[in-house]
């Protein structure tokens, strides 16, 4: 993940943990990115790592979805084809998927999603 995306994601996670301590442990990162050597890459692939999986997952269902996958992007960032494939697959299984480009978008997304929790 590029540094600006990382900083946005860190801010989002900090905000979430302060706002929703009850669910703090249920929002977690899926560290799929980063440079790795061929051996490590092969091991991770055998363990189930998959290209295109979203950056964050909120494992809290609401009235409409099983959980929320969030792909963080820098401003004007675009999804890769593997990310679009993952989005289609999880949406077909009843999960919410969203792209976030800023802390404000993340806040609005999470508040909107969790308002239908109960």
C-alpha atoms as a PDB file:
ATOM      1  CA  UNK A   1       0.000   0.000   0.000  1.00  0.00           C
ATOM      2  CA  UNK A   2       1.322   3.424  -0.848  1.00  0.00           C
ATOM      3  CA  UNK A   3       2.186   5.679   2.058  1.00  0.00           C
ATOM      4  CA  UNK A   4      -0.756   8.079   1.584  1.00  0.00           C
ATOM      5  CA  UNK A   5      -3.207   5.163   1.557  1.00  0.00           C
ATOM      6  CA  UNK A   6      -1.557   3.815   4.682  1.00  0.00           C
ATOM      7  CA  UNK A   7      -1.902   7.140   6.486  1.00  0.00           C
ATOM      8  CA  UNK A   8      -5.588   7.413   5.533  1.00  0.00           C
ATOM      9  CA  UNK A   9      -6.212   3.836   6.656  1.00  0.00           C
ATOM     10  CA  UNK A  10      -4.427   4.415   9.973  1.00  0.00           C
ATOM     11  CA  UNK A  11      -6.563   7.493  10.632  1.00  0.00           C
ATOM     12  CA  UNK A  12      -9.711   5.514   9.812  1.00  0.00           C
ATOM     13  CA  UNK A  13      -8.809   2.698  12.182  1.00  0.00           C
ATOM     14  CA  UNK A  14      -7.919   5.143  14.988  1.00  0.00           C
ATOM     15  CA  UNK A  15     -11.222   6.965  14.553  1.00  0.00           C
ATOM     16  CA  UNK A  16     -13.196   3.722  14.464  1.00  0.00           C
ATOM     17  CA  UNK A  17     -11.615   2.349  17.640  1.00  0.00           C
ATOM     18  CA  UNK A  18     -12.380   5.580  19.502  1.00  0.00           C
ATOM     19  CA  UNK A  19     -15.943   5.857  18.211  1.00  0.00           C
ATOM     20  CA  UNK A  20     -16.923   2.192  18.450  1.00  0.00           C
ATOM     21  CA  UNK A  21     -14.947   0.523  21.253  1.00  0.00           C
ATOM     22  CA  UNK A  22     -17.533  -2.276  21.345  1.00  0.00           C
ATOM     23  CA  UNK A  23     -16.553  -3.272  17.797  1.00  0.00           C
ATOM     24  CA  UNK A  24     -12.878  -2.220  17.937  1.00  0.00           C
ATOM     25  CA  UNK A  25     -11.579  -5.766  17.542  1.00  0.00           C
ATOM     26  CA  UNK A  26     -13.978  -6.525  14.707  1.00  0.00           C
ATOM     27  CA  UNK A  27     -12.452  -4.038  12.261  1.00  0.00           C
ATOM     28  CA  UNK A  28      -9.174  -5.422  11.028  1.00  0.00           C
ATOM     29  CA  UNK A  29      -6.694  -5.064   8.213  1.00  0.00           C
ATOM     30  CA  UNK A  30      -6.026  -7.729   5.627  1.00  0.00           C
ATOM     31  CA  UNK A  31      -2.323  -7.227   4.829  1.00  0.00           C
ATOM     32  CA  UNK A  32      -2.264  -8.439   1.246  1.00  0.00           C
ATOM     33  CA  UNK A  33       0.082  -5.838  -0.213  1.00  0.00           C
ATOM     34  CA  UNK A  34       3.757  -5.100   0.092  1.00  0.00           C
ATOM     35  CA  UNK A  35       6.955  -6.321  -1.470  1.00  0.00           C
ATOM     36  CA  UNK A  36       7.892  -9.918  -0.750  1.00  0.00           C
ATOM     37  CA  UNK A  37      10.482 -12.278  -2.109  1.00  0.00           C
ATOM     38  CA  UNK A  38       9.416 -15.262  -4.232  1.00  0.00           C
ATOM     39  CA  UNK A  39       9.689 -17.793  -1.402  1.00  0.00           C
ATOM     40  CA  UNK A  40       7.575 -15.727   0.987  1.00  0.00           C
ATOM     41  CA  UNK A  41       5.084 -15.036  -1.801  1.00  0.00           C
ATOM     42  CA  UNK A  42       4.733 -18.743  -2.538  1.00  0.00           C
ATOM     43  CA  UNK A  43       4.236 -19.570   1.142  1.00  0.00           C
ATOM     44  CA  UNK A  44       1.603 -16.869   1.565  1.00  0.00           C
ATOM     45  CA  UNK A  45      -0.226 -17.998  -1.573  1.00  0.00           C
ATOM     46  CA  UNK A  46      -0.264 -21.582  -0.274  1.00  0.00           C
ATOM     47  CA  UNK A  47      -1.641 -20.273   3.030  1.00  0.00           C
ATOM     48  CA  UNK A  48      -4.533 -18.623   1.207  1.00  0.00           C
ATOM     49  CA  UNK A  49      -3.415 -15.073   0.496  1.00  0.00           C
ATOM     50  CA  UNK A  50      -5.279 -13.810  -2.540  1.00  0.00           C
ATOM     51  CA  UNK A  51      -4.714 -10.781  -4.735  1.00  0.00           C
ATOM     52  CA  UNK A  52      -7.506  -8.234  -4.725  1.00  0.00           C
ATOM     53  CA  UNK A  53      -8.873  -8.757  -1.214  1.00  0.00           C
ATOM     54  CA  UNK A  54      -9.987  -5.492   0.382  1.00  0.00           C
ATOM     55  CA  UNK A  55      -7.777  -3.673   2.887  1.00  0.00           C
ATOM     56  CA  UNK A  56     -10.187  -3.705   5.833  1.00  0.00           C
ATOM     57  CA  UNK A  57     -13.020  -5.911   6.994  1.00  0.00           C
ATOM     58  CA  UNK A  58     -15.663  -5.009   9.547  1.00  0.00           C
ATOM     59  CA  UNK A  59     -17.040  -8.343  10.724  1.00  0.00           C
ATOM     60  CA  UNK A  60     -20.282  -6.876  12.053  1.00  0.00           C
ATOM     61  CA  UNK A  61     -23.476  -7.783  10.214  1.00  0.00           C
ATOM     62  CA  UNK A  62     -26.310  -5.348   9.828  1.00  0.00           C
ATOM     63  CA  UNK A  63     -29.888  -5.732   8.634  1.00  0.00           C
ATOM     64  CA  UNK A  64     -28.794  -5.986   5.001  1.00  0.00           C
ATOM     65  CA  UNK A  65     -25.240  -7.381   4.885  1.00  0.00           C
ATOM     66  CA  UNK A  66     -23.074 -10.055   6.495  1.00  0.00           C
ATOM     67  CA  UNK A  67     -20.152  -7.631   6.922  1.00  0.00           C
ATOM     68  CA  UNK A  68     -18.348  -4.706   5.314  1.00  0.00           C
ATOM     69  CA  UNK A  69     -15.222  -4.865   3.140  1.00  0.00           C
ATOM     70  CA  UNK A  70     -13.409  -1.560   2.634  1.00  0.00           C
ATOM     71  CA  UNK A  71     -10.802  -0.888  -0.036  1.00  0.00           C
ATOM     72  CA  UNK A  72      -8.678   2.151   0.785  1.00  0.00           C
ATOM     73  CA  UNK A  73      -7.461   4.307  -2.086  1.00  0.00           C
ATOM     74  CA  UNK A  74      -5.498   7.492  -2.337  1.00  0.00           C
ATOM     75  CA  UNK A  75      -7.412  10.357  -3.956  1.00  0.00           C
ATOM     76  CA  UNK A  76      -8.067   9.481  -7.609  1.00  0.00           C
ATOM     77  CA  UNK A  77      -6.820   5.920  -7.008  1.00  0.00           C
ATOM     78  CA  UNK A  78      -8.458   3.150  -9.039  1.00  0.00           C
ATOM     79  CA  UNK A  79      -9.259  -0.485  -8.426  1.00  0.00           C
ATOM     80  CA  UNK A  80      -7.206  -3.219 -10.019  1.00  0.00           C
ATOM     81  CA  UNK A  81      -9.036  -5.963 -11.918  1.00  0.00           C
ATOM     82  CA  UNK A  82      -8.369  -8.438  -9.083  1.00  0.00           C
ATOM     83  CA  UNK A  83     -10.041  -5.993  -6.679  1.00  0.00           C
ATOM     84  CA  UNK A  84     -13.069  -5.656  -8.961  1.00  0.00           C
ATOM     85  CA  UNK A  85     -13.310  -9.453  -9.156  1.00  0.00           C
ATOM     86  CA  UNK A  86     -13.185  -9.720  -5.362  1.00  0.00           C
ATOM     87  CA  UNK A  87     -15.851  -7.021  -5.041  1.00  0.00           C
ATOM     88  CA  UNK A  88     -18.225  -8.886  -7.374  1.00  0.00           C
ATOM     89  CA  UNK A  89     -17.694 -12.149  -5.512  1.00  0.00           C
ATOM     90  CA  UNK A  90     -18.317 -10.823  -2.008  1.00  0.00           C
ATOM     91  CA  UNK A  91     -21.279  -8.697  -3.055  1.00  0.00           C
ATOM     92  CA  UNK A  92     -22.856 -11.788  -4.629  1.00  0.00           C
ATOM     93  CA  UNK A  93     -22.539 -13.499  -1.215  1.00  0.00           C
ATOM     94  CA  UNK A  94     -24.297 -10.734   0.708  1.00  0.00           C
ATOM     95  CA  UNK A  95     -21.393  -8.549   1.862  1.00  0.00           C
ATOM     96  CA  UNK A  96     -21.132  -4.782   1.481  1.00  0.00           C
ATOM     97  CA  UNK A  97     -18.046  -3.538  -0.363  1.00  0.00           C
ATOM     98  CA  UNK A  98     -16.955   0.079  -0.572  1.00  0.00           C
ATOM     99  CA  UNK A  99     -14.061   2.201  -1.767  1.00  0.00           C
ATOM    100  CA  UNK A 100     -12.831   4.933   0.577  1.00  0.00           C
ATOM    101  CA  UNK A 101     -10.591   7.809  -0.450  1.00  0.00           C
ATOM    102  CA  UNK A 102     -10.566   9.791   2.800  1.00  0.00           C
ATOM    103  CA  UNK A 103     -11.306   9.716   6.498  1.00  0.00           C
ATOM    104  CA  UNK A 104     -14.530  11.644   5.906  1.00  0.00           C
ATOM    105  CA  UNK A 105     -15.764   9.039   3.414  1.00  0.00           C
ATOM    106  CA  UNK A 106     -14.872   6.280   5.866  1.00  0.00           C
ATOM    107  CA  UNK A 107     -16.759   7.995   8.700  1.00  0.00           C
ATOM    108  CA  UNK A 108     -19.865   8.440   6.551  1.00  0.00           C
ATOM    109  CA  UNK A 109     -19.679   4.847   5.315  1.00  0.00           C
ATOM    110  CA  UNK A 110     -19.300   3.307   8.774  1.00  0.00           C
ATOM    111  CA  UNK A 111     -21.976   5.476  10.379  1.00  0.00           C
ATOM    112  CA  UNK A 112     -24.382   4.649   7.558  1.00  0.00           C
ATOM    113  CA  UNK A 113     -23.577   0.956   7.744  1.00  0.00           C
ATOM    114  CA  UNK A 114     -23.856   0.663  11.528  1.00  0.00           C
ATOM    115  CA  UNK A 115     -27.120   2.629  11.749  1.00  0.00           C
ATOM    116  CA  UNK A 116     -28.766  -0.561  10.475  1.00  0.00           C
ATOM    117  CA  UNK A 117     -27.026  -2.794  13.029  1.00  0.00           C
ATOM    118  CA  UNK A 118     -30.070  -3.467  15.188  1.00  0.00           C
END
